[in-house]
Amino acid sequence: MKRLLFIALVVFAAWYGWHHYTELRREGSPQVIAINHTGHPMERLRISVGDQTVVVEVLENGATARQPFRCDHDGQFQLTWQLRDVMGERSWTGGTFSHGPVLLAHTFEFREGDGVIWSSEKVAVK
């Protein structure tokens, strides 16, 4: 009897997955959004978690860059960038990335004096 109940449960799960595949499939991807309010153009902005990196070559002052970001690991963000006409490379570590089922948009707002404000919000899916 237990074996028959188990087989019926497996058959029902397969049937449900077959008929509701489009609803179960994850649509979209997590995003990273970089906003430059430093007063200088940014160059070579790298946003990393684990072994995945997104690169923005140039981000003008007041501009916004939005890119998809897929990663199979949870972890902290590691950012490095340079400011045009300012010597040295800047870096920041913080925030959290989760590869879980909830799609999030991670926003990094760069301020004068090496300040970074990180926030995240849920991405609306259809």
C-alpha atoms as a PDB file:
ATOM      1  CA  MET A   1       0.000   0.000   0.000  1.00  0.00           C
ATOM      2  CA  LYS A   2       2.848   2.409   0.867  1.00  0.00           C
ATOM      3  CA  ARG A   3       4.575   1.645  -2.416  1.00  0.00           C
ATOM      4  CA  LEU A   4       1.378   2.363  -4.390  1.00  0.00           C
ATOM      5  CA  LEU A   5       0.895   5.673  -2.544  1.00  0.00           C
ATOM      6  CA  PHE A   6       4.516   6.651  -3.262  1.00  0.00           C
ATOM      7  CA  ILE A   7       4.160   5.847  -6.978  1.00  0.00           C
ATOM      8  CA  ALA A   8       0.907   7.841  -7.152  1.00  0.00           C
ATOM      9  CA  LEU A   9       2.642  10.803  -5.508  1.00  0.00           C
ATOM     10  CA  VAL A  10       5.535  10.674  -8.003  1.00  0.00           C
ATOM     11  CA  VAL A  11       3.120  10.427 -10.946  1.00  0.00           C
ATOM     12  CA  PHE A  12       1.108  13.395  -9.670  1.00  0.00           C
ATOM     13  CA  ALA A  13       4.277  15.507  -9.206  1.00  0.00           C
ATOM     14  CA  ALA A  14       5.408  14.665 -12.763  1.00  0.00           C
ATOM     15  CA  TRP A  15       1.977  15.507 -14.188  1.00  0.00           C
ATOM     16  CA  TYR A  16       1.839  18.803 -12.286  1.00  0.00           C
ATOM     17  CA  GLY A  17       5.340  19.777 -13.422  1.00  0.00           C
ATOM     18  CA  TRP A  18       4.532  18.917 -17.039  1.00  0.00           C
ATOM     19  CA  HIS A  19       1.349  21.002 -17.136  1.00  0.00           C
ATOM     20  CA  HIS A  20       2.624  23.952 -15.088  1.00  0.00           C
ATOM     21  CA  TYR A  21       6.200  24.154 -16.412  1.00  0.00           C
ATOM     22  CA  THR A  22       5.919  27.776 -17.563  1.00  0.00           C
ATOM     23  CA  GLU A  23       4.668  28.876 -14.148  1.00  0.00           C
ATOM     24  CA  LEU A  24       7.369  26.946 -12.301  1.00  0.00           C
ATOM     25  CA  ARG A  25      10.220  28.172 -14.508  1.00  0.00           C
ATOM     26  CA  ARG A  26      12.051  31.127 -13.057  1.00  0.00           C
ATOM     27  CA  GLU A  27      11.694  34.152 -15.315  1.00  0.00           C
ATOM     28  CA  GLY A  28      14.169  36.997 -15.354  1.00  0.00           C
ATOM     29  CA  SER A  29      17.386  37.261 -13.433  1.00  0.00           C
ATOM     30  CA  PRO A  30      18.800  39.188 -10.496  1.00  0.00           C
ATOM     31  CA  GLN A  31      20.123  42.615 -11.431  1.00  0.00           C
ATOM     32  CA  VAL A  32      22.827  44.992 -10.292  1.00  0.00           C
ATOM     33  CA  ILE A  33      22.285  48.725 -10.647  1.00  0.00           C
ATOM     34  CA  ALA A  34      25.135  51.213 -10.251  1.00  0.00           C
ATOM     35  CA  ILE A  35      24.419  54.935  -9.766  1.00  0.00           C
ATOM     36  CA  ASN A  36      27.308  57.403  -9.893  1.00  0.00           C
ATOM     37  CA  HIS A  37      27.046  60.495  -7.658  1.00  0.00           C
ATOM     38  CA  THR A  38      30.787  60.880  -6.996  1.00  0.00           C
ATOM     39  CA  GLY A  39      31.317  64.047  -9.000  1.00  0.00           C
ATOM     40  CA  HIS A  40      33.771  62.193 -11.286  1.00  0.00           C
ATOM     41  CA  PRO A  41      33.327  59.662 -14.087  1.00  0.00           C
ATOM     42  CA  MET A  42      33.960  56.110 -12.871  1.00  0.00           C
ATOM     43  CA  GLU A  43      36.108  53.662 -14.813  1.00  0.00           C
ATOM     44  CA  ARG A  44      36.524  49.894 -14.637  1.00  0.00           C
ATOM     45  CA  LEU A  45      33.785  49.243 -12.087  1.00  0.00           C
ATOM     46  CA  ARG A  46      33.815  45.558 -11.151  1.00  0.00           C
ATOM     47  CA  ILE A  47      31.009  44.006  -9.083  1.00  0.00           C
ATOM     48  CA  SER A  48      31.781  40.461  -7.905  1.00  0.00           C
ATOM     49  CA  VAL A  49      30.285  37.662  -5.841  1.00  0.00           C
ATOM     50  CA  GLY A  50      32.267  34.442  -5.693  1.00  0.00           C
ATOM     51  CA  ASP A  51      33.526  33.663  -9.200  1.00  0.00           C
ATOM     52  CA  GLN A  52      31.004  35.866 -11.059  1.00  0.00           C
ATOM     53  CA  THR A  53      31.862  39.443 -12.051  1.00  0.00           C
ATOM     54  CA  VAL A  54      29.994  42.214 -13.849  1.00  0.00           C
ATOM     55  CA  VAL A  55      32.124  44.954 -15.420  1.00  0.00           C
ATOM     56  CA  VAL A  56      31.094  48.505 -16.313  1.00  0.00           C
ATOM     57  CA  GLU A  57      33.912  50.157 -18.255  1.00  0.00           C
ATOM     58  CA  VAL A  58      32.777  53.800 -17.918  1.00  0.00           C
ATOM     59  CA  LEU A  59      29.986  55.292 -15.802  1.00  0.00           C
ATOM     60  CA  GLU A  60      29.655  59.049 -16.162  1.00  0.00           C
ATOM     61  CA  ASN A  61      28.733  61.251 -13.198  1.00  0.00           C
ATOM     62  CA  GLY A  62      24.953  61.135 -12.672  1.00  0.00           C
ATOM     63  CA  ALA A  63      24.543  58.072 -14.909  1.00  0.00           C
ATOM     64  CA  THR A  64      23.010  54.696 -14.065  1.00  0.00           C
ATOM     65  CA  ALA A  65      24.089  51.254 -15.308  1.00  0.00           C
ATOM     66  CA  ARG A  66      21.797  48.215 -15.051  1.00  0.00           C
ATOM     67  CA  GLN A  67      22.989  44.675 -15.819  1.00  0.00           C
ATOM     68  CA  PRO A  68      21.738  41.142 -15.142  1.00  0.00           C
ATOM     69  CA  PHE A  69      23.745  39.209 -12.555  1.00  0.00           C
ATOM     70  CA  ARG A  70      23.518  35.439 -12.204  1.00  0.00           C
ATOM     71  CA  CYS A  71      25.533  33.587  -9.597  1.00  0.00           C
ATOM     72  CA  ASP A  72      25.133  30.105  -8.138  1.00  0.00           C
ATOM     73  CA  HIS A  73      26.615  31.048  -4.763  1.00  0.00           C
ATOM     74  CA  ASP A  74      25.561  33.213  -1.839  1.00  0.00           C
ATOM     75  CA  GLY A  75      28.043  35.789  -0.626  1.00  0.00           C
ATOM     76  CA  GLN A  76      29.090  39.365  -0.104  1.00  0.00           C
ATOM     77  CA  PHE A  77      29.552  41.846  -2.901  1.00  0.00           C
ATOM     78  CA  GLN A  78      33.087  43.007  -3.666  1.00  0.00           C
ATOM     79  CA  LEU A  79      33.373  46.218  -5.674  1.00  0.00           C
ATOM     80  CA  THR A  80      36.445  47.886  -7.140  1.00  0.00           C
ATOM     81  CA  TRP A  81      36.564  51.004  -9.310  1.00  0.00           C
ATOM     82  CA  GLN A  82      38.656  53.963 -10.350  1.00  0.00           C
ATOM     83  CA  LEU A  83      37.669  57.616 -10.648  1.00  0.00           C
ATOM     84  CA  ARG A  84      38.893  59.522 -13.656  1.00  0.00           C
ATOM     85  CA  ASP A  85      41.351  62.288 -12.679  1.00  0.00           C
ATOM     86  CA  VAL A  86      41.755  60.798  -9.170  1.00  0.00           C
ATOM     87  CA  MET A  87      44.696  58.517  -8.404  1.00  0.00           C
ATOM     88  CA  GLY A  88      44.237  55.093  -6.893  1.00  0.00           C
ATOM     89  CA  GLU A  89      41.746  52.279  -6.976  1.00  0.00           C
ATOM     90  CA  ARG A  90      38.775  52.277  -4.619  1.00  0.00           C
ATOM     91  CA  SER A  91      37.111  49.190  -3.142  1.00  0.00           C
ATOM     92  CA  TRP A  92      34.096  48.252  -1.050  1.00  0.00           C
ATOM     93  CA  THR A  93      32.838  44.972   0.410  1.00  0.00           C
ATOM     94  CA  GLY A  94      29.390  44.458   1.851  1.00  0.00           C
ATOM     95  CA  GLY A  95      25.776  43.651   1.168  1.00  0.00           C
ATOM     96  CA  THR A  96      24.595  40.116   0.556  1.00  0.00           C
ATOM     97  CA  PHE A  97      23.712  38.185  -2.564  1.00  0.00           C
ATOM     98  CA  SER A  98      21.421  35.180  -2.398  1.00  0.00           C
ATOM     99  CA  HIS A  99      20.905  32.917  -5.403  1.00  0.00           C
ATOM    100  CA  GLY A 100      17.569  31.778  -3.964  1.00  0.00           C
ATOM    101  CA  PRO A 101      14.223  31.756  -5.748  1.00  0.00           C
ATOM    102  CA  VAL A 102      13.420  35.435  -5.065  1.00  0.00           C
ATOM    103  CA  LEU A 103      14.731  37.761  -7.786  1.00  0.00           C
ATOM    104  CA  LEU A 104      16.332  40.897  -6.362  1.00  0.00           C
ATOM    105  CA  ALA A 105      17.677  44.116  -7.844  1.00  0.00           C
ATOM    106  CA  HIS A 106      20.798  45.200  -5.955  1.00  0.00           C
ATOM    107  CA  THR A 107      21.451  48.948  -6.148  1.00  0.00           C
ATOM    108  CA  PHE A 108      24.850  50.505  -5.442  1.00  0.00           C
ATOM    109  CA  GLU A 109      24.836  54.273  -5.109  1.00  0.00           C
ATOM    110  CA  PHE A 110      28.335  55.726  -5.182  1.00  0.00           C
ATOM    111  CA  ARG A 111      28.845  58.984  -3.242  1.00  0.00           C
ATOM    112  CA  GLU A 112      31.716  61.419  -2.831  1.00  0.00           C
ATOM    113  CA  GLY A 113      34.459  60.317  -0.457  1.00  0.00           C
ATOM    114  CA  ASP A 114      34.351  56.578  -1.260  1.00  0.00           C
ATOM    115  CA  GLY A 115      30.831  56.136   0.118  1.00  0.00           C
ATOM    116  CA  VAL A 116      28.673  53.297  -1.212  1.00  0.00           C
ATOM    117  CA  ILE A 117      25.018  52.838  -0.314  1.00  0.00           C
ATOM    118  CA  TRP A 118      23.718  49.327  -1.012  1.00  0.00           C
ATOM    119  CA  SER A 119      20.037  48.396  -1.131  1.00  0.00           C
ATOM    120  CA  SER A 120      18.018  45.592  -2.626  1.00  0.00           C
ATOM    121  CA  GLU A 121      14.405  45.178  -3.638  1.00  0.00           C
ATOM    122  CA  LYS A 122      12.319  42.436  -5.147  1.00  0.00           C
ATOM    123  CA  VAL A 123      12.055  42.353  -8.958  1.00  0.00           C
ATOM    124  CA  ALA A 124       8.505  42.121 -10.237  1.00  0.00           C
ATOM    125  CA  VAL A 125       7.916  39.108 -12.502  1.00  0.00           C
ATOM    126  CA  LYS A 126       5.020  38.469 -14.851  1.00  0.00           C
END
